Amino acid sequence: MEELLRENERLVHVVVQRQCWGGSEYSDLIQEGQIGLWRAIVGYDPGRGNAFSSYAWKAIRNQVWEAVRRSNKTESWMEGEEGGDNLGEIISDWQREQVGQAIREELECLPERLRQVIELAYGLDGQGPMSLAGIGRKIGVTRERVRQIRNEALLLLRLPALSLRLRSLSDQASRSAYRHALSLNRTWLGGRRGKR
C-alpha cells in the first residue's frame, strides 16, 4: 500500500493544481488529496473495468472538495451568515468551465469543415443551434450532406484518444461507456456502408 501511495503521489499534486480552491492552503489540500488516494487504493476494484488513475482522480478530487466544503462551512459559521461563497455554485461553475474547455480542445483536433458543422449544429459558436438545413444553406451543401458531416465529426469525437478528458469530467470513462460509444460508431458506420 505504501508503494502505491508513493507511485501515485504525483497524481495528488496534479489534481490539486488543476482545481481552483479559493483561499485554501496548498499543503492542506495535498494532505486531503493523499487521504483520497489512500481511500482509492483501499476501495479500488480492477474487475469493474475502470483504470486506477481515473478511479483515484475522482476519489482525490472528492476528498479535496469535501475538505474545502468543510472549511467554507466553518468560515461561514465564524463570519456569520453574511459573506462566503456558495461552494456548490463554485464547483458547478468550475465543472462547466472544465467541460467547455475539454470540448474546445476536442474540436480543435477536427478538420475545419467538421468543426464548423458541429459548432453550428450545437450552438458552440456563441449563437443558437442551427438546423441541418440552415447549416447546409450557410456552407452550400444539402441537408443530408450536413447530417453526414455531423455524424463523421461525432464519430471522431467519440474516439478514446480525443474524448478521454471530457469522459473523465463527465464520469463516462468506464469500459461500458467506451463500449457504448463504439457501438454507436459501428451502428453509424454500418448504416453508411449500407447506403453505398
Protein backbone atom coordinates (compact mmCIF):
# COMPACT_ATOMS: atom_id res chain seq x y z
CA MET A 1 0.00 0.00 0.00
CA GLU A 2 2.85 2.39 0.84
CA GLU A 3 4.40 1.67 -2.55
CA LEU A 4 1.13 2.53 -4.32
CA LEU A 5 0.90 5.74 -2.29
CA ARG A 6 4.44 6.71 -3.35
CA GLU A 7 3.88 5.76 -7.00
CA ASN A 8 0.72 7.89 -7.26
CA GLU A 9 1.74 10.86 -5.15
CA ARG A 10 2.25 12.96 -8.29
CA LEU A 11 -1.41 12.35 -9.19
CA VAL A 12 -2.43 14.11 -5.96
CA HIS A 13 -0.39 17.18 -6.93
CA VAL A 14 -1.83 17.19 -10.46
CA VAL A 15 -5.43 17.03 -9.17
CA VAL A 16 -4.87 19.81 -6.65
CA GLN A 17 -3.02 22.04 -9.14
CA ARG A 18 -5.76 21.72 -11.79
CA GLN A 19 -8.50 22.86 -9.46
CA CYS A 20 -9.47 26.31 -8.22
CA TRP A 21 -9.82 26.04 -4.45
CA GLY A 22 -10.16 29.65 -3.39
CA GLY A 23 -8.27 30.54 -0.23
CA SER A 24 -7.38 27.02 0.90
CA GLU A 25 -3.76 26.25 1.72
CA TYR A 26 -1.97 24.12 -0.87
CA SER A 27 -0.33 21.91 1.77
CA ASP A 28 -3.71 21.23 3.41
CA LEU A 29 -5.20 20.25 0.06
CA ILE A 30 -2.26 17.94 -0.68
CA GLN A 31 -2.82 16.23 2.65
CA GLU A 32 -6.54 15.81 1.90
CA GLY A 33 -5.63 14.53 -1.57
CA GLN A 34 -3.35 11.90 -0.04
CA ILE A 35 -6.24 10.76 2.14
CA GLY A 36 -8.34 10.49 -1.02
CA LEU A 37 -5.57 8.48 -2.71
CA TRP A 38 -5.40 6.14 0.26
CA ARG A 39 -9.16 5.63 0.10
CA ALA A 40 -8.89 4.95 -3.64
CA ILE A 41 -6.25 2.29 -3.06
CA VAL A 42 -8.39 0.61 -0.42
CA GLY A 43 -11.60 0.77 -2.46
CA TYR A 44 -10.28 0.06 -5.97
CA ASP A 45 -11.72 -2.99 -7.72
CA PRO A 46 -9.94 -3.75 -11.03
CA GLY A 47 -12.80 -6.06 -12.02
CA ARG A 48 -15.14 -3.09 -12.53
CA GLY A 49 -13.28 -2.00 -15.66
CA ASN A 50 -12.03 1.43 -14.54
CA ALA A 51 -8.39 2.44 -14.78
CA PHE A 52 -6.88 3.03 -11.35
CA SER A 53 -5.83 6.58 -12.26
CA SER A 54 -9.42 7.51 -13.25
CA TYR A 55 -10.80 5.98 -10.06
CA ALA A 56 -8.12 7.64 -7.92
CA TRP A 57 -8.61 11.01 -9.65
CA LYS A 58 -12.27 11.08 -8.61
CA ALA A 59 -11.52 9.90 -5.07
CA ILE A 60 -8.80 12.54 -4.62
CA ARG A 61 -10.96 15.29 -6.14
CA ASN A 62 -13.96 14.36 -3.97
CA GLN A 63 -11.85 14.28 -0.80
CA VAL A 64 -10.41 17.71 -1.55
CA TRP A 65 -13.84 19.13 -2.43
CA GLU A 66 -15.20 17.80 0.84
CA ALA A 67 -12.35 19.43 2.77
CA VAL A 68 -12.95 22.76 1.01
CA ARG A 69 -16.68 22.46 1.74
CA ARG A 70 -15.97 21.82 5.43
CA SER A 71 -13.54 24.73 5.52
CA ASN A 72 -16.02 27.10 3.86
CA LYS A 73 -18.78 25.98 6.20
CA THR A 74 -16.54 26.68 9.20
CA GLU A 75 -15.55 30.09 7.84
CA SER A 76 -19.20 30.93 7.14
CA TRP A 77 -20.14 29.96 10.66
CA MET A 78 -17.32 32.07 12.08
CA GLU A 79 -18.20 35.08 9.91
CA GLY A 80 -21.91 34.77 10.48
CA GLU A 81 -24.49 34.34 7.75
CA GLU A 82 -23.02 37.12 5.61
CA GLY A 83 -20.25 36.59 3.10
CA GLY A 84 -18.75 33.33 1.96
CA ASP A 85 -19.26 31.86 -1.48
CA ASN A 86 -21.67 29.09 -2.22
CA LEU A 87 -19.34 26.11 -2.77
CA GLY A 88 -21.93 24.25 -4.82
CA GLU A 89 -22.11 27.13 -7.29
CA ILE A 90 -18.32 27.43 -7.43
CA ILE A 91 -17.91 23.73 -8.13
CA SER A 92 -20.70 23.77 -10.69
CA ASP A 93 -19.19 26.79 -12.46
CA TRP A 94 -15.76 25.16 -12.40
CA GLN A 95 -17.14 21.92 -13.84
CA ARG A 96 -18.94 23.81 -16.65
CA GLU A 97 -15.73 25.70 -17.42
CA GLN A 98 -13.67 22.49 -17.48
CA VAL A 99 -16.18 20.69 -19.70
CA GLY A 100 -16.31 23.67 -22.06
CA GLN A 101 -12.54 23.75 -22.26
CA ALA A 102 -12.38 19.99 -22.93
CA ILE A 103 -14.96 20.34 -25.72
CA ARG A 104 -13.00 23.21 -27.29
CA GLU A 105 -9.79 21.16 -27.15
CA GLU A 106 -11.54 18.21 -28.81
CA LEU A 107 -12.99 20.40 -31.54
CA GLU A 108 -9.54 21.83 -32.32
CA CYS A 109 -8.48 18.32 -33.36
CA LEU A 110 -11.16 18.12 -36.05
CA PRO A 111 -10.73 19.26 -39.65
CA GLU A 112 -12.14 22.76 -40.23
CA ARG A 113 -15.36 21.72 -42.01
CA LEU A 114 -16.30 19.09 -39.42
CA ARG A 115 -15.59 21.53 -36.60
CA GLN A 116 -17.71 24.22 -38.27
CA VAL A 117 -20.70 21.89 -38.66
CA ILE A 118 -20.51 20.74 -35.01
CA GLU A 119 -20.22 24.33 -33.76
CA LEU A 120 -23.22 25.43 -35.83
CA ALA A 121 -25.34 22.35 -35.07
CA TYR A 122 -24.89 22.61 -31.29
CA GLY A 123 -24.58 26.39 -30.94
CA LEU A 124 -20.96 26.24 -29.78
CA ASP A 125 -20.11 29.34 -31.80
CA GLY A 126 -22.00 31.58 -29.37
CA GLN A 127 -25.16 31.58 -31.48
CA GLY A 128 -28.13 29.27 -31.02
CA PRO A 129 -28.08 25.78 -32.55
CA MET A 130 -28.90 25.70 -36.27
CA SER A 131 -30.95 23.14 -38.17
CA LEU A 132 -29.22 20.85 -40.64
CA ALA A 133 -30.99 22.64 -43.50
CA GLY A 134 -29.83 26.04 -42.18
CA ILE A 135 -26.24 24.82 -41.91
CA GLY A 136 -26.49 23.40 -45.43
CA ARG A 137 -27.59 26.77 -46.79
CA LYS A 138 -24.78 28.50 -44.94
CA ILE A 139 -21.98 26.23 -46.19
CA GLY A 140 -23.51 25.41 -49.58
CA VAL A 141 -24.35 21.71 -49.27
CA THR A 142 -27.50 19.64 -48.85
CA ARG A 143 -29.15 18.88 -45.52
CA GLU A 144 -28.23 15.21 -45.98
CA ARG A 145 -24.57 16.07 -46.53
CA VAL A 146 -24.59 18.18 -43.35
CA ARG A 147 -26.02 15.20 -41.44
CA GLN A 148 -23.21 13.01 -42.82
CA ILE A 149 -20.54 15.55 -41.89
CA ARG A 150 -22.01 15.92 -38.39
CA ASN A 151 -22.03 12.15 -37.92
CA GLU A 152 -18.43 11.86 -39.14
CA ALA A 153 -17.41 14.52 -36.62
CA LEU A 154 -19.27 12.78 -33.79
CA LEU A 155 -17.62 9.50 -34.77
CA LEU A 156 -14.19 11.11 -34.39
CA LEU A 157 -15.13 12.92 -31.17
CA ARG A 158 -16.14 9.62 -29.55
CA LEU A 159 -12.68 8.11 -30.10
CA PRO A 160 -10.92 7.50 -26.76
CA ALA A 161 -7.83 9.45 -27.82
CA LEU A 162 -9.90 12.62 -28.25
CA SER A 163 -12.57 12.12 -25.62
CA LEU A 164 -10.53 10.97 -22.59
CA ARG A 165 -10.55 14.27 -20.69
CA LEU A 166 -14.21 15.01 -21.41
CA ARG A 167 -15.19 11.47 -20.42
CA SER A 168 -13.28 11.80 -17.15
CA LEU A 169 -15.01 15.08 -16.34
CA SER A 170 -18.44 13.63 -17.06
CA ASP A 171 -17.86 10.26 -15.35
CA GLN A 172 -18.06 8.42 -18.70
CA ALA A 173 -14.55 6.92 -18.67
CA SER A 174 -15.62 3.37 -17.80
CA ARG A 175 -15.29 0.41 -20.13
CA SER A 176 -19.06 0.20 -20.52
CA ALA A 177 -19.21 3.86 -21.63
CA TYR A 178 -16.47 3.20 -24.20
CA ARG A 179 -18.29 0.09 -25.40
CA HIS A 180 -21.46 2.13 -25.84
CA ALA A 181 -19.55 4.76 -27.86
CA LEU A 182 -18.02 2.04 -30.04
CA SER A 183 -21.47 0.56 -30.55
CA LEU A 184 -22.79 3.94 -31.72
CA ASN A 185 -19.85 4.26 -34.10
CA ARG A 186 -20.40 0.75 -35.51
CA THR A 187 -24.13 1.43 -35.98
CA TRP A 188 -23.44 4.62 -37.87
CA LEU A 189 -20.67 3.06 -39.95
CA GLY A 190 -22.92 0.08 -40.76
CA GLY A 191 -25.70 2.39 -41.91
CA ARG A 192 -23.27 4.37 -44.00
CA ARG A 193 -21.91 1.25 -45.72
CA GLY A 194 -25.46 0.09 -46.45
CA LYS A 195 -26.18 3.29 -48.41
CA ARG A 196 -23.24 2.86 -50.75
